[in-house]
Amino acid sequence: PELGKAMGKGLNEFKSHANRITEDVKESVDVEDKKDKEN
């Protein structure tokens, strides 16, 4: 049970960080698109 709990926490953290990175990349792409449209 301890190993299962630790693996669950690890997977949850990995998923959380992956989602944050995805959001950061989307924001960067949106900012670049806005800059391109302004020029």
PDB file of all heavy atoms in Angstrom:
ATOM      1  N   PRO A   1       0.815  -1.228   0.000  1.00  0.00           N
ATOM      2  CA  PRO A   1       0.000   0.000   0.000  1.00  0.00           C
ATOM      3  C   PRO A   1       0.846   1.275   0.000  1.00  0.00           C
ATOM      4  O   PRO A   1       0.496   2.251  -0.666  1.00  0.00           O
ATOM      5  CB  PRO A   1      -0.817  -0.103   1.292  1.00  0.00           C
ATOM      6  CG  PRO A   1      -0.857  -1.553   1.602  1.00  0.00           C
ATOM      7  CD  PRO A   1       0.444  -2.096   1.099  1.00  0.00           C
ATOM      8  N   GLU A   2       1.963   1.246   0.716  1.00  0.00           N
ATOM      9  CA  GLU A   2       2.850   2.406   0.738  1.00  0.00           C
ATOM     10  C   GLU A   2       3.454   2.659  -0.642  1.00  0.00           C
ATOM     11  O   GLU A   2       3.536   3.805  -1.089  1.00  0.00           O
ATOM     12  CB  GLU A   2       3.981   2.188   1.743  1.00  0.00           C
ATOM     13  CG  GLU A   2       3.520   2.133   3.177  1.00  0.00           C
ATOM     14  CD  GLU A   2       4.648   1.773   4.128  1.00  0.00           C
ATOM     15  OE1 GLU A   2       5.821   1.962   3.762  1.00  0.00           O
ATOM     16  OE2 GLU A   2       4.344   1.290   5.229  1.00  0.00           O
ATOM     17  N   LEU A   3       3.861   1.585  -1.323  1.00  0.00           N
ATOM     18  CA  LEU A   3       4.424   1.733  -2.665  1.00  0.00           C
ATOM     19  C   LEU A   3       3.375   2.257  -3.642  1.00  0.00           C
ATOM     20  O   LEU A   3       3.665   3.120  -4.470  1.00  0.00           O
ATOM     21  CB  LEU A   3       4.969   0.391  -3.159  1.00  0.00           C
ATOM     22  CG  LEU A   3       6.230  -0.108  -2.483  1.00  0.00           C
ATOM     23  CD1 LEU A   3       6.549  -1.529  -2.925  1.00  0.00           C
ATOM     24  CD2 LEU A   3       7.389   0.806  -2.808  1.00  0.00           C
ATOM     25  N   GLY A   4       2.170   1.747  -3.547  1.00  0.00           N
ATOM     26  CA  GLY A   4       1.090   2.212  -4.410  1.00  0.00           C
ATOM     27  C   GLY A   4       0.783   3.683  -4.186  1.00  0.00           C
ATOM     28  O   GLY A   4       0.576   4.440  -5.141  1.00  0.00           O
ATOM     29  N   LYS A   5       0.764   4.084  -2.942  1.00  0.00           N
ATOM     30  CA  LYS A   5       0.498   5.486  -2.604  1.00  0.00           C
ATOM     31  C   LYS A   5       1.609   6.383  -3.144  1.00  0.00           C
ATOM     32  O   LYS A   5       1.344   7.442  -3.723  1.00  0.00           O
ATOM     33  CB  LYS A   5       0.391   5.626  -1.085  1.00  0.00           C
ATOM     34  CG  LYS A   5      -0.070   6.967  -0.613  1.00  0.00           C
ATOM     35  CD  LYS A   5      -0.246   6.957   0.899  1.00  0.00           C
ATOM     36  CE  LYS A   5      -0.741   8.280   1.419  1.00  0.00           C
ATOM     37  NZ  LYS A   5      -0.914   8.281   2.870  1.00  0.00           N
ATOM     38  N   ALA A   6       2.853   5.967  -2.985  1.00  0.00           N
ATOM     39  CA  ALA A   6       3.984   6.752  -3.479  1.00  0.00           C
ATOM     40  C   ALA A   6       3.960   6.849  -5.000  1.00  0.00           C
ATOM     41  O   ALA A   6       4.208   7.925  -5.561  1.00  0.00           O
ATOM     42  CB  ALA A   6       5.297   6.130  -3.014  1.00  0.00           C
ATOM     43  N   MET A   7       3.629   5.751  -5.661  1.00  0.00           N
ATOM     44  CA  MET A   7       3.550   5.785  -7.127  1.00  0.00           C
ATOM     45  C   MET A   7       2.419   6.695  -7.585  1.00  0.00           C
ATOM     46  O   MET A   7       2.559   7.434  -8.559  1.00  0.00           O
ATOM     47  CB  MET A   7       3.355   4.377  -7.682  1.00  0.00           C
ATOM     48  CG  MET A   7       4.600   3.527  -7.642  1.00  0.00           C
ATOM     49  SD  MET A   7       4.357   1.903  -8.354  1.00  0.00           S
ATOM     50  CE  MET A   7       4.003   2.311 -10.044  1.00  0.00           C
ATOM     51  N   GLY A   8       1.301   6.654  -6.897  1.00  0.00           N
ATOM     52  CA  GLY A   8       0.176   7.520  -7.232  1.00  0.00           C
ATOM     53  C   GLY A   8       0.533   8.988  -7.087  1.00  0.00           C
ATOM     54  O   GLY A   8       0.197   9.812  -7.947  1.00  0.00           O
ATOM     55  N   LYS A   9       1.217   9.323  -6.001  1.00  0.00           N
ATOM     56  CA  LYS A   9       1.643  10.714  -5.799  1.00  0.00           C
ATOM     57  C   LYS A   9       2.621  11.141  -6.884  1.00  0.00           C
ATOM     58  O   LYS A   9       2.539  12.253  -7.400  1.00  0.00           O
ATOM     59  CB  LYS A   9       2.302  10.877  -4.428  1.00  0.00           C
ATOM     60  CG  LYS A   9       1.326  10.931  -3.285  1.00  0.00           C
ATOM     61  CD  LYS A   9       2.053  11.172  -1.978  1.00  0.00           C
ATOM     62  CE  LYS A   9       1.080  11.248  -0.819  1.00  0.00           C
ATOM     63  NZ  LYS A   9       1.786  11.480   0.454  1.00  0.00           N
ATOM     64  N   GLY A  10       3.541  10.263  -7.223  1.00  0.00           N
ATOM     65  CA  GLY A  10       4.521  10.573  -8.261  1.00  0.00           C
ATOM     66  C   GLY A  10       3.863  10.804  -9.612  1.00  0.00           C
ATOM     67  O   GLY A  10       4.191  11.753 -10.320  1.00  0.00           O
ATOM     68  N   LEU A  11       2.934   9.934  -9.972  1.00  0.00           N
ATOM     69  CA  LEU A  11       2.226  10.097 -11.240  1.00  0.00           C
ATOM     70  C   LEU A  11       1.385  11.369 -11.245  1.00  0.00           C
ATOM     71  O   LEU A  11       1.303  12.064 -12.263  1.00  0.00           O
ATOM     72  CB  LEU A  11       1.337   8.883 -11.510  1.00  0.00           C
ATOM     73  CG  LEU A  11       2.067   7.616 -11.937  1.00  0.00           C
ATOM     74  CD1 LEU A  11       1.103   6.437 -12.000  1.00  0.00           C
ATOM     75  CD2 LEU A  11       2.736   7.814 -13.282  1.00  0.00           C
ATOM     76  N   ASN A  12       0.778  11.677 -10.107  1.00  0.00           N
ATOM     77  CA  ASN A  12      -0.034  12.890 -10.003  1.00  0.00           C
ATOM     78  C   ASN A  12       0.831  14.137 -10.188  1.00  0.00           C
ATOM     79  O   ASN A  12       0.446  15.073 -10.890  1.00  0.00           O
ATOM     80  CB  ASN A  12      -0.755  12.919  -8.659  1.00  0.00           C
ATOM     81  CG  ASN A  12      -1.858  13.935  -8.619  1.00  0.00           C
ATOM     82  OD1 ASN A  12      -2.294  14.433  -9.646  1.00  0.00           O
ATOM     83  ND2 ASN A  12      -2.318  14.253  -7.431  1.00  0.00           N
ATOM     84  N   GLU A  13       2.005  14.157  -9.574  1.00  0.00           N
ATOM     85  CA  GLU A  13       2.912  15.296  -9.729  1.00  0.00           C
ATOM     86  C   GLU A  13       3.403  15.414 -11.166  1.00  0.00           C
ATOM     87  O   GLU A  13       3.479  16.509 -11.715  1.00  0.00           O
ATOM     88  CB  GLU A  13       4.108  15.158  -8.789  1.00  0.00           C
ATOM     89  CG  GLU A  13       3.814  15.595  -7.382  1.00  0.00           C
ATOM     90  CD  GLU A  13       5.081  15.771  -6.572  1.00  0.00           C
ATOM     91  OE1 GLU A  13       6.086  16.280  -7.123  1.00  0.00           O
ATOM     92  OE2 GLU A  13       5.053  15.397  -5.392  1.00  0.00           O
ATOM     93  N   PHE A  14       3.727  14.281 -11.774  1.00  0.00           N
ATOM     94  CA  PHE A  14       4.179  14.286 -13.161  1.00  0.00           C
ATOM     95  C   PHE A  14       3.102  14.862 -14.070  1.00  0.00           C
ATOM     96  O   PHE A  14       3.375  15.706 -14.923  1.00  0.00           O
ATOM     97  CB  PHE A  14       4.544  12.865 -13.601  1.00  0.00           C
ATOM     98  CG  PHE A  14       4.941  12.773 -15.041  1.00  0.00           C
ATOM     99  CD1 PHE A  14       6.220  13.136 -15.446  1.00  0.00           C
ATOM    100  CD2 PHE A  14       4.046  12.326 -15.999  1.00  0.00           C
ATOM    101  CE1 PHE A  14       6.593  13.068 -16.765  1.00  0.00           C
ATOM    102  CE2 PHE A  14       4.409  12.246 -17.325  1.00  0.00           C
ATOM    103  CZ  PHE A  14       5.684  12.612 -17.713  1.00  0.00           C
ATOM    104  N   LYS A  15       1.882  14.418 -13.867  1.00  0.00           N
ATOM    105  CA  LYS A  15       0.762  14.898 -14.675  1.00  0.00           C
ATOM    106  C   LYS A  15       0.545  16.397 -14.472  1.00  0.00           C
ATOM    107  O   LYS A  15       0.308  17.140 -15.427  1.00  0.00           O
ATOM    108  CB  LYS A  15      -0.493  14.120 -14.287  1.00  0.00           C
ATOM    109  CG  LYS A  15      -1.662  14.327 -15.179  1.00  0.00           C
ATOM    110  CD  LYS A  15      -2.799  13.399 -14.752  1.00  0.00           C
ATOM    111  CE  LYS A  15      -4.004  13.548 -15.618  1.00  0.00           C
ATOM    112  NZ  LYS A  15      -5.103  12.689 -15.185  1.00  0.00           N
ATOM    113  N   SER A  16       0.651  16.844 -13.228  1.00  0.00           N
ATOM    114  CA  SER A  16       0.477  18.258 -12.921  1.00  0.00           C
ATOM    115  C   SER A  16       1.535  19.104 -13.618  1.00  0.00           C
ATOM    116  O   SER A  16       1.224  20.140 -14.232  1.00  0.00           O
ATOM    117  CB  SER A  16       0.542  18.460 -11.411  1.00  0.00           C
ATOM    118  OG  SER A  16       0.542  19.812 -11.081  1.00  0.00           O
ATOM    119  N   HIS A  17       2.784  18.676 -13.548  1.00  0.00           N
ATOM    120  CA  HIS A  17       3.865  19.425 -14.194  1.00  0.00           C
ATOM    121  C   HIS A  17       3.723  19.393 -15.708  1.00  0.00           C
ATOM    122  O   HIS A  17       3.991  20.393 -16.373  1.00  0.00           O
ATOM    123  CB  HIS A  17       5.225  18.887 -13.770  1.00  0.00           C
ATOM    124  CG  HIS A  17       5.583  19.214 -12.355  1.00  0.00           C
ATOM    125  ND1 HIS A  17       5.868  20.490 -11.941  1.00  0.00           N
ATOM    126  CD2 HIS A  17       5.682  18.435 -11.255  1.00  0.00           C
ATOM    127  CE1 HIS A  17       6.136  20.487 -10.642  1.00  0.00           C
ATOM    128  NE2 HIS A  17       6.024  19.242 -10.203  1.00  0.00           N
ATOM    129  N   ALA A  18       3.312  18.265 -16.255  1.00  0.00           N
ATOM    130  CA  ALA A  18       3.108  18.174 -17.701  1.00  0.00           C
ATOM    131  C   ALA A  18       2.012  19.138 -18.146  1.00  0.00           C
ATOM    132  O   ALA A  18       2.142  19.793 -19.192  1.00  0.00           O
ATOM    133  CB  ALA A  18       2.759  16.741 -18.094  1.00  0.00           C
ATOM    134  N   ASN A  19       0.951  19.251 -17.365  1.00  0.00           N
ATOM    135  CA  ASN A  19      -0.124  20.188 -17.704  1.00  0.00           C
ATOM    136  C   ASN A  19       0.361  21.633 -17.633  1.00  0.00           C
ATOM    137  O   ASN A  19      -0.003  22.455 -18.472  1.00  0.00           O
ATOM    138  CB  ASN A  19      -1.328  19.989 -16.775  1.00  0.00           C
ATOM    139  CG  ASN A  19      -2.096  18.734 -17.091  1.00  0.00           C
ATOM    140  OD1 ASN A  19      -2.036  18.214 -18.201  1.00  0.00           O
ATOM    141  ND2 ASN A  19      -2.826  18.228 -16.108  1.00  0.00           N
ATOM    142  N   ARG A  20       1.180  21.944 -16.624  1.00  0.00           N
ATOM    143  CA  ARG A  20       1.725  23.300 -16.515  1.00  0.00           C
ATOM    144  C   ARG A  20       2.605  23.644 -17.710  1.00  0.00           C
ATOM    145  O   ARG A  20       2.550  24.750 -18.246  1.00  0.00           O
ATOM    146  CB  ARG A  20       2.535  23.447 -15.230  1.00  0.00           C
ATOM    147  CG  ARG A  20       1.689  23.667 -14.027  1.00  0.00           C
ATOM    148  CD  ARG A  20       2.544  24.130 -12.859  1.00  0.00           C
ATOM    149  NE  ARG A  20       1.985  23.557 -11.648  1.00  0.00           N
ATOM    150  CZ  ARG A  20       2.688  23.208 -10.598  1.00  0.00           C
ATOM    151  NH1 ARG A  20       3.994  23.369 -10.591  1.00  0.00           N
ATOM    152  NH2 ARG A  20       2.103  22.707  -9.533  1.00  0.00           N
ATOM    153  N   ILE A  21       3.428  22.701 -18.119  1.00  0.00           N
ATOM    154  CA  ILE A  21       4.307  22.933 -19.268  1.00  0.00           C
ATOM    155  C   ILE A  21       3.470  23.143 -20.527  1.00  0.00           C
ATOM    156  O   ILE A  21       3.751  24.033 -21.330  1.00  0.00           O
ATOM    157  CB  ILE A  21       5.300  21.763 -19.439  1.00  0.00           C
ATOM    158  CG1 ILE A  21       6.312  21.782 -18.296  1.00  0.00           C
ATOM    159  CG2 ILE A  21       5.999  21.820 -20.791  1.00  0.00           C
ATOM    160  CD1 ILE A  21       7.208  20.575 -18.232  1.00  0.00           C
ATOM    161  N   THR A  22       2.432  22.336 -20.684  1.00  0.00           N
ATOM    162  CA  THR A  22       1.546  22.483 -21.843  1.00  0.00           C
ATOM    163  C   THR A  22       0.902  23.861 -21.861  1.00  0.00           C
ATOM    164  O   THR A  22       0.837  24.521 -22.905  1.00  0.00           O
ATOM    165  CB  THR A  22       0.461  21.386 -21.828  1.00  0.00           C
ATOM    166  OG1 THR A  22       1.094  20.107 -21.810  1.00  0.00           O
ATOM    167  CG2 THR A  22      -0.447  21.499 -23.028  1.00  0.00           C
ATOM    168  N   GLU A  23       0.434  24.320 -20.702  1.00  0.00           N
ATOM    169  CA  GLU A  23      -0.178  25.648 -20.617  1.00  0.00           C
ATOM    170  C   GLU A  23       0.843  26.741 -20.935  1.00  0.00           C
ATOM    171  O   GLU A  23       0.525  27.701 -21.645  1.00  0.00           O
ATOM    172  CB  GLU A  23      -0.762  25.872 -19.225  1.00  0.00           C
ATOM    173  CG  GLU A  23      -1.992  25.046 -18.940  1.00  0.00           C
ATOM    174  CD  GLU A  23      -2.443  25.141 -17.489  1.00  0.00           C
ATOM    175  OE1 GLU A  23      -1.869  25.955 -16.727  1.00  0.00           O
ATOM    176  OE2 GLU A  23      -3.361  24.395 -17.126  1.00  0.00           O
ATOM    177  N   ASP A  24       2.072  26.600 -20.439  1.00  0.00           N
ATOM    178  CA  ASP A  24       3.110  27.586 -20.720  1.00  0.00           C
ATOM    179  C   ASP A  24       3.418  27.653 -22.213  1.00  0.00           C
ATOM    180  O   ASP A  24       3.589  28.739 -22.777  1.00  0.00           O
ATOM    181  CB  ASP A  24       4.391  27.270 -19.947  1.00  0.00           C
ATOM    182  CG  ASP A  24       4.261  27.519 -18.455  1.00  0.00           C
ATOM    183  OD1 ASP A  24       3.293  28.213 -18.054  1.00  0.00           O
ATOM    184  OD2 ASP A  24       5.122  27.016 -17.693  1.00  0.00           O
ATOM    185  N   VAL A  25       3.495  26.507 -22.849  1.00  0.00           N
ATOM    186  CA  VAL A  25       3.781  26.477 -24.285  1.00  0.00           C
ATOM    187  C   VAL A  25       2.635  27.123 -25.058  1.00  0.00           C
ATOM    188  O   VAL A  25       2.863  27.906 -25.985  1.00  0.00           O
ATOM    189  CB  VAL A  25       4.028  25.030 -24.761  1.00  0.00           C
ATOM    190  CG1 VAL A  25       4.055  24.944 -26.273  1.00  0.00           C
ATOM    191  CG2 VAL A  25       5.325  24.493 -24.175  1.00  0.00           C
ATOM    192  N   LYS A  26       1.399  26.816 -24.676  1.00  0.00           N
ATOM    193  CA  LYS A  26       0.245  27.424 -25.352  1.00  0.00           C
ATOM    194  C   LYS A  26       0.256  28.940 -25.190  1.00  0.00           C
ATOM    195  O   LYS A  26      -0.024  29.676 -26.139  1.00  0.00           O
ATOM    196  CB  LYS A  26      -1.060  26.854 -24.805  1.00  0.00           C
ATOM    197  CG  LYS A  26      -1.359  25.471 -25.296  1.00  0.00           C
ATOM    198  CD  LYS A  26      -2.680  24.973 -24.733  1.00  0.00           C
ATOM    199  CE  LYS A  26      -2.965  23.560 -25.191  1.00  0.00           C
ATOM    200  NZ  LYS A  26      -4.222  23.048 -24.629  1.00  0.00           N
ATOM    201  N   GLU A  27       0.577  29.420 -23.992  1.00  0.00           N
ATOM    202  CA  GLU A  27       0.654  30.856 -23.760  1.00  0.00           C
ATOM    203  C   GLU A  27       1.743  31.495 -24.615  1.00  0.00           C
ATOM    204  O   GLU A  27       1.543  32.565 -25.195  1.00  0.00           O
ATOM    205  CB  GLU A  27       0.907  31.155 -22.289  1.00  0.00           C
ATOM    206  CG  GLU A  27      -0.277  30.897 -21.388  1.00  0.00           C
ATOM    207  CD  GLU A  27       0.039  31.114 -19.918  1.00  0.00           C
ATOM    208  OE1 GLU A  27       1.127  31.654 -19.610  1.00  0.00           O
ATOM    209  OE2 GLU A  27      -0.796  30.741 -19.083  1.00  0.00           O
ATOM    210  N   SER A  28       2.888  30.842 -24.711  1.00  0.00           N
ATOM    211  CA  SER A  28       3.984  31.371 -25.523  1.00  0.00           C
ATOM    212  C   SER A  28       3.587  31.439 -26.991  1.00  0.00           C
ATOM    213  O   SER A  28       3.887  32.413 -27.676  1.00  0.00           O
ATOM    214  CB  SER A  28       5.224  30.496 -25.375  1.00  0.00           C
ATOM    215  OG  SER A  28       5.694  30.531 -24.054  1.00  0.00           O
ATOM    216  N   VAL A  29       2.906  30.407 -27.462  1.00  0.00           N
ATOM    217  CA  VAL A  29       2.468  30.392 -28.857  1.00  0.00           C
ATOM    218  C   VAL A  29       1.447  31.498 -29.099  1.00  0.00           C
ATOM    219  O   VAL A  29       1.493  32.180 -30.123  1.00  0.00           O
ATOM    220  CB  VAL A  29       1.892  29.003 -29.229  1.00  0.00           C
ATOM    221  CG1 VAL A  29       1.189  29.043 -30.571  1.00  0.00           C
ATOM    222  CG2 VAL A  29       2.993  27.961 -29.234  1.00  0.00           C
ATOM    223  N   ASP A  30       0.541  31.697 -28.160  1.00  0.00           N
ATOM    224  CA  ASP A  30      -0.457  32.761 -28.295  1.00  0.00           C
ATOM    225  C   ASP A  30       0.206  34.133 -28.346  1.00  0.00           C
ATOM    226  O   ASP A  30      -0.182  34.992 -29.139  1.00  0.00           O
ATOM    227  CB  ASP A  30      -1.471  32.710 -27.152  1.00  0.00           C
ATOM    228  CG  ASP A  30      -2.417  31.532 -27.247  1.00  0.00           C
ATOM    229  OD1 ASP A  30      -2.512  30.939 -28.351  1.00  0.00           O
ATOM    230  OD2 ASP A  30      -3.056  31.203 -26.225  1.00  0.00           O
ATOM    231  N   VAL A  31       1.209  34.346 -27.502  1.00  0.00           N
ATOM    232  CA  VAL A  31       1.919  35.625 -27.478  1.00  0.00           C
ATOM    233  C   VAL A  31       2.639  35.837 -28.811  1.00  0.00           C
ATOM    234  O   VAL A  31       2.590  36.930 -29.386  1.00  0.00           O
ATOM    235  CB  VAL A  31       2.918  35.675 -26.291  1.00  0.00           C
ATOM    236  CG1 VAL A  31       3.865  36.851 -26.431  1.00  0.00           C
ATOM    237  CG2 VAL A  31       2.166  35.727 -24.981  1.00  0.00           C
ATOM    238  N   GLU A  32       3.284  34.814 -29.327  1.00  0.00           N
ATOM    239  CA  GLU A  32       3.983  34.918 -30.608  1.00  0.00           C
ATOM    240  C   GLU A  32       3.000  35.194 -31.744  1.00  0.00           C
ATOM    241  O   GLU A  32       3.283  35.968 -32.644  1.00  0.00           O
ATOM    242  CB  GLU A  32       4.787  33.647 -30.891  1.00  0.00           C
ATOM    243  CG  GLU A  32       5.990  33.474 -30.000  1.00  0.00           C
ATOM    244  CD  GLU A  32       7.022  34.565 -30.188  1.00  0.00           C
ATOM    245  OE1 GLU A  32       7.264  34.992 -31.329  1.00  0.00           O
ATOM    246  OE2 GLU A  32       7.594  35.009 -29.168  1.00  0.00           O
ATOM    247  N   ASP A  33       1.838  34.538 -31.704  1.00  0.00           N
ATOM    248  CA  ASP A  33       0.822  34.774 -32.734  1.00  0.00           C
ATOM    249  C   ASP A  33       0.339  36.217 -32.707  1.00  0.00           C
ATOM    250  O   ASP A  33       0.140  36.836 -33.752  1.00  0.00           O
ATOM    251  CB  ASP A  33      -0.370  33.821 -32.560  1.00  0.00           C
ATOM    252  CG  ASP A  33      -0.062  32.403 -32.989  1.00  0.00           C
ATOM    253  OD1 ASP A  33       0.963  32.198 -33.686  1.00  0.00           O
ATOM    254  OD2 ASP A  33      -0.840  31.491 -32.630  1.00  0.00           O
ATOM    255  N   LYS A  34       0.147  36.760 -31.519  1.00  0.00           N
ATOM    256  CA  LYS A  34      -0.285  38.158 -31.402  1.00  0.00           C
ATOM    257  C   LYS A  34       0.767  39.103 -31.951  1.00  0.00           C
ATOM    258  O   LYS A  34       0.457  40.085 -32.615  1.00  0.00           O
ATOM    259  CB  LYS A  34      -0.617  38.492 -29.951  1.00  0.00           C
ATOM    260  CG  LYS A  34      -1.905  37.870 -29.466  1.00  0.00           C
ATOM    261  CD  LYS A  34      -2.170  38.229 -28.030  1.00  0.00           C
ATOM    262  CE  LYS A  34      -3.449  37.553 -27.523  1.00  0.00           C
ATOM    263  NZ  LYS A  34      -3.689  37.842 -26.107  1.00  0.00           N
ATOM    264  N   LYS A  35       2.054  38.812 -31.665  1.00  0.00           N
ATOM    265  CA  LYS A  35       3.142  39.652 -32.169  1.00  0.00           C
ATOM    266  C   LYS A  35       3.174  39.596 -33.689  1.00  0.00           C
ATOM    267  O   LYS A  35       3.393  40.620 -34.348  1.00  0.00           O
ATOM    268  CB  LYS A  35       4.484  39.200 -31.603  1.00  0.00           C
ATOM    269  CG  LYS A  35       4.687  39.580 -30.167  1.00  0.00           C
ATOM    270  CD  LYS A  35       6.063  39.125 -29.695  1.00  0.00           C
ATOM    271  CE  LYS A  35       6.284  39.465 -28.238  1.00  0.00           C
ATOM    272  NZ  LYS A  35       7.589  38.963 -27.777  1.00  0.00           N
ATOM    273  N   ASP A  36       2.998  38.409 -34.256  1.00  0.00           N
ATOM    274  CA  ASP A  36       3.021  38.264 -35.706  1.00  0.00           C
ATOM    275  C   ASP A  36       1.863  39.008 -36.363  1.00  0.00           C
ATOM    276  O   ASP A  36       2.014  39.591 -37.431  1.00  0.00           O
ATOM    277  CB  ASP A  36       2.977  36.785 -36.105  1.00  0.00           C
ATOM    278  CG  ASP A  36       4.280  36.064 -35.801  1.00  0.00           C
ATOM    279  OD1 ASP A  36       5.308  36.759 -35.614  1.00  0.00           O
ATOM    280  OD2 ASP A  36       4.269  34.830 -35.747  1.00  0.00           O
ATOM    281  N   LYS A  37       0.709  39.003 -35.751  1.00  0.00           N
ATOM    282  CA  LYS A  37      -0.461  39.683 -36.312  1.00  0.00           C
ATOM    283  C   LYS A  37      -0.303  41.201 -36.251  1.00  0.00           C
ATOM    284  O   LYS A  37      -0.806  41.910 -37.104  1.00  0.00           O
ATOM    285  CB  LYS A  37      -1.724  39.258 -35.575  1.00  0.00           C
ATOM    286  CG  LYS A  37      -2.144  37.845 -35.923  1.00  0.00           C
ATOM    287  CD  LYS A  37      -3.402  37.442 -35.184  1.00  0.00           C
ATOM    288  CE  LYS A  37      -3.769  36.016 -35.522  1.00  0.00           C
ATOM    289  NZ  LYS A  37      -4.955  35.556 -34.783  1.00  0.00           N
ATOM    290  N   GLU A  38       0.404  41.685 -35.234  1.00  0.00           N
ATOM    291  CA  GLU A  38       0.626  43.126 -35.093  1.00  0.00           C
ATOM    292  C   GLU A  38       1.590  43.631 -36.153  1.00  0.00           C
ATOM    293  O   GLU A  38       1.519  44.767 -36.582  1.00  0.00           O
ATOM    294  CB  GLU A  38       1.155  43.457 -33.697  1.00  0.00           C
ATOM    295  CG  GLU A  38       0.123  43.288 -32.614  1.00  0.00           C
ATOM    296  CD  GLU A  38       0.707  43.508 -31.218  1.00  0.00           C
ATOM    297  OE1 GLU A  38       1.926  43.749 -31.110  1.00  0.00           O
ATOM    298  OE2 GLU A  38      -0.056  43.447 -30.248  1.00  0.00           O
ATOM    299  N   ASN A  39       2.508  42.807 -36.560  1.00  0.00           N
ATOM    300  CA  ASN A  39       3.527  43.223 -37.552  1.00  0.00           C
ATOM    301  C   ASN A  39       2.973  43.019 -38.894  1.00  0.00           C
ATOM    302  O   ASN A  39       2.731  43.191 -39.817  1.00  0.00           O
ATOM    303  CB  ASN A  39       4.818  42.423 -37.395  1.00  0.00           C
ATOM    304  CG  ASN A  39       5.519  42.768 -36.103  1.00  0.00           C
ATOM    305  OD1 ASN A  39       5.403  43.879 -35.618  1.00  0.00           O
ATOM    306  ND2 ASN A  39       6.240  41.835 -35.568  1.00  0.00           N
TER     307      ASN A  39
END
